[in-house]
Amino acid sequence: MTASAFVTGAQAAERAMRAVFPPTPLLRNDHLSDRFGADIWLKREDLSPVRSYKLRGAFNAMRKVIPAHDLFVCASAGNHAQGVAFMCRHFGVRGVVFMPVTTPQQKIQKTQMFGGTHVEVRLVGDYFDETLAAAQTFCAQKGAHFLSPFDDEDVIEGQASVAVEIETQLGRLPDRVVLPVGGGGLSSGVRSYFGRSVSYTFVEPSGAQSLGIALEAQAPVDVSPIDSFVDGAAVAKIGARTFARLSDVDRADAVHIAEDRICTTIIEMLNVEGIVLEPAGALAIEVLSDLRDQIEGKTVVCVASGGNFDFERLPEVKERAQRYSGVKKYFILRMPQRPGALKEFLGILGPEDDIARFEYLKKSARNFGSVLIGIETTQPENFVRFLSKLDAAGFTYTDITNDETLAQFVI
């Protein structure tokens, strides 16, 4: 497909979508604009009917094969499942959504809610690979149409409708577009639409660098095992079709961000702006800190790709954000077993320090007991003073804040 044909197709897809849902807002964010000295706009895909951009690709792929097909199948544990379910109900066709057995109940219920009587949810496999294999086998047996979450030309064209709306709503081309990357459907669609007329930053979670590693190898690479925390962008292997559209991306424009760091933006956007973002939806905003020199004085559009956030995860997100920011640490402390030792330790704490966790791990030692202690404070610098006083008092301790193996068992 030629570049001009792709642009025409994306524009046609965007027009057709208007019969289903309105454009998602493109909103200037004063908080971020002031912070980075730039003109920062957020493309709010978290405000779509299914709180992500995924229904765009599902809509475009389905409209092109109806009425030849009336049974659609997908494998997904998240946003793609909800987009497919929504569109099955819209088109009045049947859908079977395969989800891992481990899928949170909230996501299962939302998929069923969007699909209504038109969609059946089947829970198969503990891991997504098993779920996908079951979906593809079922699809072949029933002669159904399989809806890929990203590696499909019609899906890519549908996701490019995000770029069509940005151009119309902004009234001009932005200087830079910042995009999260998982399987590559959104990023390849937007880049194929804008071409080389704008600059890009493609951002992935550090635990699933499917684009970055593919660019180095010049071919899609399975980067398993991956960290699934940023579930909307945690893809082990970028799509073949999507990578074909991204293979000439400058390696410097494909960056990655630590999962804990992403949590700081989720918390900030919730507390400061009242915007609920899922981890993948926060990627394009968090990376702005790394782009300060490149975006100053520029017009930048960040695609907030989704807002399907389960608030049961909020304590974990807050915990990870505090640890990354350096305002919360965990220690294994050897506490002398003598009168006044605990009081002496408490006297070391500063006025802004707070004990968040205190647990004896071993009480059998004759002279010392091992204590797991978590300390929260307001500024990372407070720990310098705290540890200095701890050393001066002769306490023995081990900082386990960044020991992931140990943290899984005791934190």
Protein backbone atom coordinates (compact mmCIF):
# COMPACT_ATOMS: atom_id res chain seq x y z
CA MET A 1 0.00 0.00 0.00
CA THR A 2 1.33 3.43 -0.93
CA ALA A 3 1.69 6.17 1.67
CA SER A 4 -1.07 8.23 0.07
CA ALA A 5 -3.40 5.23 -0.05
CA PHE A 6 -2.77 4.59 3.64
CA VAL A 7 -3.58 8.21 4.51
CA THR A 8 -6.80 8.04 2.48
CA GLY A 9 -7.76 4.76 4.16
CA ALA A 10 -7.12 6.13 7.65
CA GLN A 11 -9.23 9.20 6.89
CA ALA A 12 -12.05 7.00 5.61
CA ALA A 13 -11.85 4.85 8.75
CA GLU A 14 -12.01 7.94 10.96
CA ARG A 15 -15.10 9.22 9.15
CA ALA A 16 -16.82 5.86 9.47
CA MET A 17 -16.14 5.76 13.22
CA ARG A 18 -18.22 8.85 13.78
CA ALA A 19 -21.32 6.72 13.47
CA VAL A 20 -20.15 4.80 16.55
CA PHE A 21 -18.34 7.22 18.86
CA PRO A 22 -17.15 10.86 18.85
CA PRO A 23 -13.48 11.86 18.54
CA THR A 24 -11.54 11.59 21.78
CA PRO A 25 -10.45 15.01 23.12
CA LEU A 26 -7.10 16.60 22.38
CA LEU A 27 -6.49 18.79 25.43
CA ARG A 28 -3.67 21.19 26.20
CA ASN A 29 -2.21 20.39 29.62
CA ASP A 30 -1.12 23.56 31.42
CA HIS A 31 0.60 21.64 34.23
CA LEU A 32 2.91 19.76 31.88
CA SER A 33 3.36 22.71 29.53
CA ASP A 34 4.59 24.93 32.35
CA ARG A 35 6.79 22.20 33.76
CA PHE A 36 8.61 21.50 30.50
CA GLY A 37 8.46 24.90 28.82
CA ALA A 38 6.60 23.45 25.87
CA ASP A 39 3.12 23.31 24.36
CA ILE A 40 2.00 19.89 25.65
CA TRP A 41 -1.23 18.32 24.44
CA LEU A 42 -2.75 15.03 25.59
CA LYS A 43 -4.69 12.86 23.16
CA ARG A 44 -7.13 11.34 25.63
CA GLU A 45 -7.75 7.81 24.39
CA ASP A 46 -8.59 6.99 28.00
CA LEU A 47 -11.89 8.79 27.31
CA SER A 48 -13.05 6.51 24.49
CA PRO A 49 -16.16 4.34 25.15
CA VAL A 50 -13.89 1.45 26.26
CA ARG A 51 -11.24 3.72 27.83
CA SER A 52 -8.58 2.86 25.24
CA TYR A 53 -7.83 3.24 21.53
CA LYS A 54 -8.29 -0.47 20.85
CA LEU A 55 -11.87 -0.21 19.59
CA ARG A 56 -10.59 1.78 16.57
CA GLY A 57 -8.66 -1.12 15.08
CA ALA A 58 -11.42 -3.60 15.96
CA PHE A 59 -14.01 -1.40 14.25
CA ASN A 60 -12.00 -0.97 11.06
CA ALA A 61 -11.05 -4.63 10.76
CA MET A 62 -14.61 -5.81 11.35
CA ARG A 63 -16.37 -3.35 9.04
CA LYS A 64 -14.24 -4.51 6.12
CA VAL A 65 -15.24 -8.19 6.36
CA ILE A 66 -18.90 -7.89 7.35
CA PRO A 67 -21.18 -9.47 6.07
CA ALA A 68 -18.80 -12.15 4.75
CA HIS A 69 -18.08 -13.04 8.38
CA ASP A 70 -20.44 -12.96 11.34
CA LEU A 71 -18.30 -14.81 13.90
CA PHE A 72 -15.23 -13.09 15.31
CA VAL A 73 -12.58 -14.44 17.65
CA CYS A 74 -9.82 -12.75 19.64
CA ALA A 75 -7.38 -13.58 22.42
CA SER A 76 -6.79 -10.85 24.97
CA ALA A 77 -6.65 -10.17 28.68
CA GLY A 78 -7.39 -6.47 28.42
CA ASN A 79 -8.21 -3.55 26.16
CA HIS A 80 -8.37 -5.47 22.87
CA ALA A 81 -10.99 -7.82 24.32
CA GLN A 82 -13.13 -4.89 25.39
CA GLY A 83 -12.81 -3.17 22.02
CA VAL A 84 -13.80 -6.32 20.15
CA ALA A 85 -16.73 -6.92 22.50
CA PHE A 86 -17.98 -3.36 22.05
CA MET A 87 -17.86 -3.65 18.27
CA CYS A 88 -19.52 -7.07 18.19
CA ARG A 89 -22.46 -5.55 19.97
CA HIS A 90 -22.45 -2.53 17.65
CA PHE A 91 -22.42 -4.61 14.47
CA GLY A 92 -24.79 -7.23 15.88
CA VAL A 93 -22.40 -10.11 15.23
CA ARG A 94 -21.16 -12.94 17.42
CA GLY A 95 -17.83 -12.86 19.15
CA VAL A 96 -15.82 -15.34 21.22
CA VAL A 97 -13.17 -13.77 23.43
CA PHE A 98 -10.48 -16.06 24.81
CA MET A 99 -8.88 -14.83 28.04
CA PRO A 100 -6.31 -16.44 30.37
CA VAL A 101 -7.73 -18.11 33.46
CA THR A 102 -5.68 -15.64 35.51
CA THR A 103 -7.46 -12.58 34.05
CA PRO A 104 -8.79 -10.29 36.83
CA GLN A 105 -12.54 -10.58 37.29
CA GLN A 106 -12.98 -6.85 36.65
CA LYS A 107 -11.68 -7.21 33.08
CA ILE A 108 -13.84 -10.24 32.42
CA GLN A 109 -16.94 -8.42 33.65
CA LYS A 110 -16.21 -5.32 31.56
CA THR A 111 -15.74 -7.42 28.43
CA GLN A 112 -19.04 -9.16 29.05
CA MET A 113 -20.73 -5.82 29.77
CA PHE A 114 -19.54 -4.27 26.49
CA GLY A 115 -20.46 -7.33 24.44
CA GLY A 116 -23.73 -8.22 26.10
CA THR A 117 -25.44 -11.25 24.56
CA HIS A 118 -23.28 -11.01 21.45
CA VAL A 119 -20.06 -12.14 23.15
CA GLU A 120 -18.97 -15.31 24.89
CA VAL A 121 -15.91 -15.21 27.14
CA ARG A 122 -13.83 -18.38 27.39
CA LEU A 123 -11.14 -18.70 30.04
CA VAL A 124 -8.33 -20.92 28.76
CA GLY A 125 -4.71 -21.34 29.91
CA ASP A 126 -2.61 -19.85 32.67
CA TYR A 127 -0.41 -17.98 30.15
CA PHE A 128 -1.33 -15.88 27.13
CA ASP A 129 0.47 -18.19 24.66
CA GLU A 130 -1.89 -20.99 25.67
CA THR A 131 -4.88 -18.67 25.33
CA LEU A 132 -3.81 -17.53 21.87
CA ALA A 133 -3.28 -21.10 20.64
CA ALA A 134 -6.75 -22.10 21.85
CA ALA A 135 -8.32 -19.08 20.13
CA GLN A 136 -6.59 -19.79 16.82
CA THR A 137 -7.53 -23.48 16.94
CA PHE A 138 -11.17 -22.61 17.62
CA CYS A 139 -11.08 -20.03 14.84
CA ALA A 140 -9.83 -22.56 12.30
CA GLN A 141 -12.42 -25.15 13.35
CA LYS A 142 -15.35 -22.75 13.11
CA GLY A 143 -14.21 -20.78 10.07
CA ALA A 144 -14.38 -17.58 12.13
CA HIS A 145 -12.46 -14.36 11.52
CA PHE A 146 -9.53 -13.84 13.89
CA LEU A 147 -9.04 -10.28 15.09
CA SER A 148 -5.38 -9.60 15.82
CA PRO A 149 -4.72 -7.00 18.52
CA PHE A 150 -2.09 -5.25 16.35
CA ASP A 151 -0.51 -7.29 13.55
CA ASP A 152 -3.14 -6.67 10.89
CA GLU A 153 -3.21 -4.02 8.15
CA ASP A 154 -6.83 -3.06 8.82
CA VAL A 155 -6.14 -2.78 12.56
CA ILE A 156 -3.12 -0.57 11.87
CA GLU A 157 -5.21 1.62 9.57
CA GLY A 158 -7.90 1.88 12.24
CA GLN A 159 -5.41 2.93 14.92
CA ALA A 160 -4.10 5.61 12.53
CA SER A 161 -7.43 7.40 13.01
CA VAL A 162 -5.82 8.76 16.19
CA ALA A 163 -3.44 10.75 13.95
CA VAL A 164 -6.30 11.93 11.72
CA GLU A 165 -8.06 13.40 14.75
CA ILE A 166 -4.88 14.98 16.11
CA GLU A 167 -4.28 16.83 12.84
CA THR A 168 -7.88 18.04 12.66
CA GLN A 169 -8.17 19.03 16.32
CA LEU A 170 -4.81 20.77 16.53
CA GLY A 171 -5.34 22.54 13.22
CA ARG A 172 -1.72 21.92 12.28
CA LEU A 173 0.94 19.26 12.61
CA PRO A 174 2.65 18.92 16.00
CA ASP A 175 6.42 19.12 16.22
CA ARG A 176 6.61 15.79 18.04
CA VAL A 177 4.28 12.90 18.80
CA VAL A 178 5.04 10.68 21.80
CA LEU A 179 3.63 7.17 21.55
CA PRO A 180 3.58 4.08 23.79
CA VAL A 181 4.62 0.86 22.08
CA GLY A 182 3.46 -2.68 22.73
CA GLY A 183 2.75 -4.73 19.63
CA GLY A 184 3.11 -1.65 17.45
CA GLY A 185 -0.41 -1.16 16.08
CA LEU A 186 -0.87 2.39 17.34
CA SER A 187 2.71 3.55 16.78
CA SER A 188 2.99 2.13 13.25
CA GLY A 189 -0.41 3.55 12.31
CA VAL A 190 0.32 7.06 13.55
CA ARG A 191 3.80 7.11 12.02
CA SER A 192 2.50 5.82 8.68
CA TYR A 193 -0.05 8.62 8.63
CA PHE A 194 2.21 11.52 9.61
CA GLY A 195 5.28 10.12 7.85
CA ARG A 196 8.41 12.22 8.26
CA SER A 197 6.46 15.45 8.74
CA VAL A 198 6.84 15.24 12.54
CA SER A 199 9.37 13.92 15.05
CA TYR A 200 8.60 10.90 17.22
CA THR A 201 9.42 9.33 20.52
CA PHE A 202 8.41 5.70 20.93
CA VAL A 203 8.43 4.56 24.54
CA GLU A 204 8.26 1.05 25.98
CA PRO A 205 8.40 -0.41 29.49
CA SER A 206 11.90 -1.62 30.36
CA GLY A 207 10.61 -5.12 30.96
CA ALA A 208 9.22 -5.53 27.43
CA GLN A 209 11.43 -3.76 24.86
CA SER A 210 9.99 -5.44 21.77
CA LEU A 211 10.61 -2.47 19.43
CA GLY A 212 14.03 -1.43 20.72
CA ILE A 213 15.50 -4.92 20.49
CA ALA A 214 13.87 -5.51 17.09
CA LEU A 215 15.50 -2.32 15.78
CA GLU A 216 18.89 -3.59 16.91
CA ALA A 217 18.30 -6.98 15.29
CA GLN A 218 16.46 -5.50 12.30
CA ALA A 219 13.76 -8.13 12.77
CA PRO A 220 11.07 -8.95 15.34
CA VAL A 221 12.59 -10.78 18.30
CA ASP A 222 10.90 -12.66 21.12
CA VAL A 223 12.10 -10.88 24.26
CA SER A 224 10.53 -13.32 26.74
CA PRO A 225 10.32 -13.42 29.66
CA ILE A 226 8.72 -10.02 30.03
CA ASP A 227 7.52 -7.94 32.96
CA SER A 228 3.72 -7.85 32.69
CA PHE A 229 3.14 -4.90 35.04
CA VAL A 230 2.52 -2.48 32.13
CA ASP A 231 -0.03 -4.90 30.74
CA GLY A 232 -1.24 -2.64 27.92
CA ALA A 233 2.28 -2.54 26.41
CA ALA A 234 3.83 -5.77 27.70
CA VAL A 235 4.30 -7.62 24.40
CA ALA A 236 7.07 -10.19 23.97
CA LYS A 237 7.36 -9.82 20.19
CA ILE A 238 6.41 -6.86 18.03
CA GLY A 239 4.22 -7.70 15.04
CA ALA A 240 5.77 -8.47 11.66
CA ARG A 241 3.50 -6.01 9.84
CA THR A 242 3.86 -3.30 12.45
CA PHE A 243 7.65 -3.65 12.50
CA ALA A 244 7.79 -3.40 8.73
CA ARG A 245 6.37 0.12 9.17
CA LEU A 246 8.76 0.96 12.02
CA SER A 247 11.98 -0.74 10.89
CA ASP A 248 13.61 2.51 9.75
CA VAL A 249 12.96 4.33 13.05
CA ASP A 250 16.09 5.94 14.49
CA ARG A 251 17.19 3.78 17.42
CA ALA A 252 17.58 6.92 19.55
CA ASP A 253 13.86 7.61 19.16
CA ALA A 254 12.89 4.27 20.72
CA VAL A 255 13.35 4.52 24.49
CA HIS A 256 12.30 2.57 27.54
CA ILE A 257 11.27 3.44 31.09
CA ALA A 258 11.45 1.41 34.30
CA GLU A 259 8.12 0.07 35.51
CA ASP A 260 8.47 1.68 38.96
CA ARG A 261 9.15 5.05 37.35
CA ILE A 262 5.90 4.87 35.38
CA CYS A 263 4.06 4.61 38.68
CA THR A 264 5.18 8.12 39.64
CA THR A 265 3.27 9.57 36.67
CA ILE A 266 0.15 7.52 37.42
CA ILE A 267 0.10 8.97 40.94
CA GLU A 268 0.95 12.50 39.79
CA MET A 269 -1.72 12.63 37.08
CA LEU A 270 -4.31 11.25 39.49
CA ASN A 271 -3.46 13.65 42.33
CA VAL A 272 -2.71 16.79 40.31
CA GLU A 273 -4.95 16.48 37.25
CA GLY A 274 -7.61 13.99 38.33
CA ILE A 275 -6.76 11.82 35.31
CA VAL A 276 -6.92 8.04 35.75
CA LEU A 277 -4.33 6.29 33.58
CA GLU A 278 -3.34 2.67 33.29
CA PRO A 279 0.43 2.00 33.27
CA ALA A 280 0.63 1.93 29.45
CA GLY A 281 -1.38 5.16 29.30
CA ALA A 282 1.23 6.94 31.44
CA LEU A 283 4.25 5.96 29.31
CA ALA A 284 4.07 8.87 26.87
CA ILE A 285 3.79 11.40 29.70
CA GLU A 286 6.53 10.05 31.96
CA VAL A 287 9.13 10.11 29.17
CA LEU A 288 8.81 13.89 28.83
CA SER A 289 11.37 14.27 31.62
CA ASP A 290 13.97 12.70 29.33
CA LEU A 291 13.01 14.93 26.40
CA ARG A 292 13.22 18.31 28.10
CA ASP A 293 16.01 19.65 25.87
CA GLN A 294 14.35 18.38 22.70
CA ILE A 295 10.84 19.69 23.34
CA GLU A 296 11.42 23.13 24.85
CA GLY A 297 9.32 25.64 22.91
CA LYS A 298 7.81 22.87 20.76
CA THR A 299 4.28 21.59 20.27
CA VAL A 300 4.14 18.03 21.59
CA VAL A 301 1.25 15.57 21.53
CA CYS A 302 1.38 12.68 24.02
CA VAL A 303 -1.03 9.84 23.39
CA ALA A 304 -2.59 8.75 26.69
CA SER A 305 -3.46 5.33 25.32
CA GLY A 306 -5.73 3.98 28.04
CA GLY A 307 -7.33 4.40 31.43
CA ASN A 308 -8.44 0.91 32.37
CA PHE A 309 -6.93 1.02 35.82
CA ASP A 310 -8.07 -1.37 38.53
CA PHE A 311 -8.00 0.64 41.75
CA GLU A 312 -7.14 -2.51 43.68
CA ARG A 313 -3.67 -1.96 42.18
CA LEU A 314 -3.36 1.53 43.65
CA PRO A 315 -1.49 0.48 46.82
CA GLU A 316 1.07 -1.38 44.68
CA VAL A 317 1.43 1.58 42.32
CA LYS A 318 1.92 3.98 45.22
CA GLU A 319 4.47 1.64 46.82
CA ARG A 320 6.48 1.34 43.59
CA ALA A 321 6.34 5.10 43.01
CA GLN A 322 7.62 5.86 46.51
CA ARG A 323 10.46 3.37 46.23
CA TYR A 324 11.51 4.74 42.84
CA SER A 325 11.33 8.33 44.10
CA GLY A 326 13.56 7.47 47.04
CA VAL A 327 11.09 8.49 49.75
CA LYS A 328 10.48 4.96 51.00
CA LYS A 329 13.06 2.36 51.91
CA TYR A 330 13.15 -1.04 53.54
CA PHE A 331 15.86 -2.36 55.83
CA ILE A 332 16.70 -5.51 57.71
CA LEU A 333 17.94 -4.13 61.01
CA ARG A 334 19.85 -6.01 63.72
CA MET A 335 18.16 -4.78 66.88
CA PRO A 336 20.17 -5.27 70.11
CA GLN A 337 18.16 -7.27 72.65
CA ARG A 338 18.68 -4.88 75.55
CA PRO A 339 16.44 -2.44 77.40
CA GLY A 340 16.19 0.94 75.67
CA ALA A 341 17.45 -0.24 72.24
CA LEU A 342 14.11 0.36 70.52
CA LYS A 343 13.75 3.76 72.16
CA GLU A 344 17.24 4.66 70.98
CA PHE A 345 16.35 3.67 67.44
CA LEU A 346 13.13 5.71 67.48
CA GLY A 347 15.12 8.75 68.60
CA ILE A 348 17.13 8.56 65.36
CA LEU A 349 14.03 9.19 63.23
CA GLY A 350 13.62 12.75 61.98
CA PRO A 351 10.46 14.89 62.17
CA GLU A 352 9.49 13.94 58.58
CA ASP A 353 10.25 10.21 58.94
CA ASP A 354 7.53 7.66 59.57
CA ILE A 355 7.61 3.93 60.24
CA ALA A 356 5.48 2.20 57.61
CA ARG A 357 6.43 -1.37 58.51
CA PHE A 358 7.93 -2.96 61.61
CA GLU A 359 8.16 -6.71 61.94
CA TYR A 360 10.45 -9.03 63.90
CA LEU A 361 11.80 -11.67 61.51
CA LYS A 362 13.90 -13.60 64.01
CA LYS A 363 13.64 -13.48 67.77
CA SER A 364 15.73 -16.51 68.71
CA ALA A 365 19.14 -14.79 68.70
CA ARG A 366 20.50 -14.22 72.17
CA ASN A 367 21.90 -10.74 71.69
CA PHE A 368 20.18 -9.44 68.54
CA GLY A 369 16.87 -9.72 66.74
CA SER A 370 16.34 -9.20 63.01
CA VAL A 371 13.72 -6.60 62.20
CA LEU A 372 12.11 -5.75 58.86
CA ILE A 373 11.49 -2.02 58.90
CA GLY A 374 9.99 0.27 56.29
CA ILE A 375 10.57 4.02 56.52
CA GLU A 376 8.63 6.72 54.65
CA THR A 377 9.80 10.31 54.47
CA THR A 378 9.10 13.45 52.46
CA GLN A 379 12.45 14.00 50.74
CA PRO A 380 15.06 11.43 49.60
CA GLU A 381 17.75 13.56 51.27
CA ASN A 382 16.29 12.73 54.68
CA PHE A 383 17.70 9.22 54.38
CA VAL A 384 21.24 10.59 54.25
CA ARG A 385 20.80 12.07 57.73
CA PHE A 386 18.91 9.02 58.99
CA LEU A 387 21.56 6.51 57.84
CA SER A 388 24.37 8.68 59.15
CA LYS A 389 22.81 8.68 62.62
CA LEU A 390 22.14 4.95 62.36
CA ASP A 391 25.83 4.33 61.63
CA ALA A 392 26.94 6.61 64.44
CA ALA A 393 24.75 4.72 66.89
CA GLY A 394 26.33 1.43 65.85
CA PHE A 395 23.25 -0.22 64.40
CA THR A 396 23.86 -2.89 61.74
CA TYR A 397 21.43 -2.88 58.80
CA THR A 398 20.95 -3.97 55.18
CA ASP A 399 19.06 -1.86 52.65
CA ILE A 400 16.80 -4.28 50.72
CA THR A 401 14.72 -1.67 48.89
CA ASN A 402 16.05 -2.61 45.46
CA ASP A 403 16.62 -6.30 46.09
CA GLU A 404 13.77 -7.61 43.95
CA THR A 405 14.19 -11.25 44.95
CA LEU A 406 14.13 -10.52 48.65
CA ALA A 407 11.41 -7.92 48.29
CA GLN A 408 9.04 -10.48 46.77
CA PHE A 409 9.14 -12.46 50.01
CA VAL A 410 9.23 -9.82 52.74
CA ILE A 411 7.81 -6.56 51.34
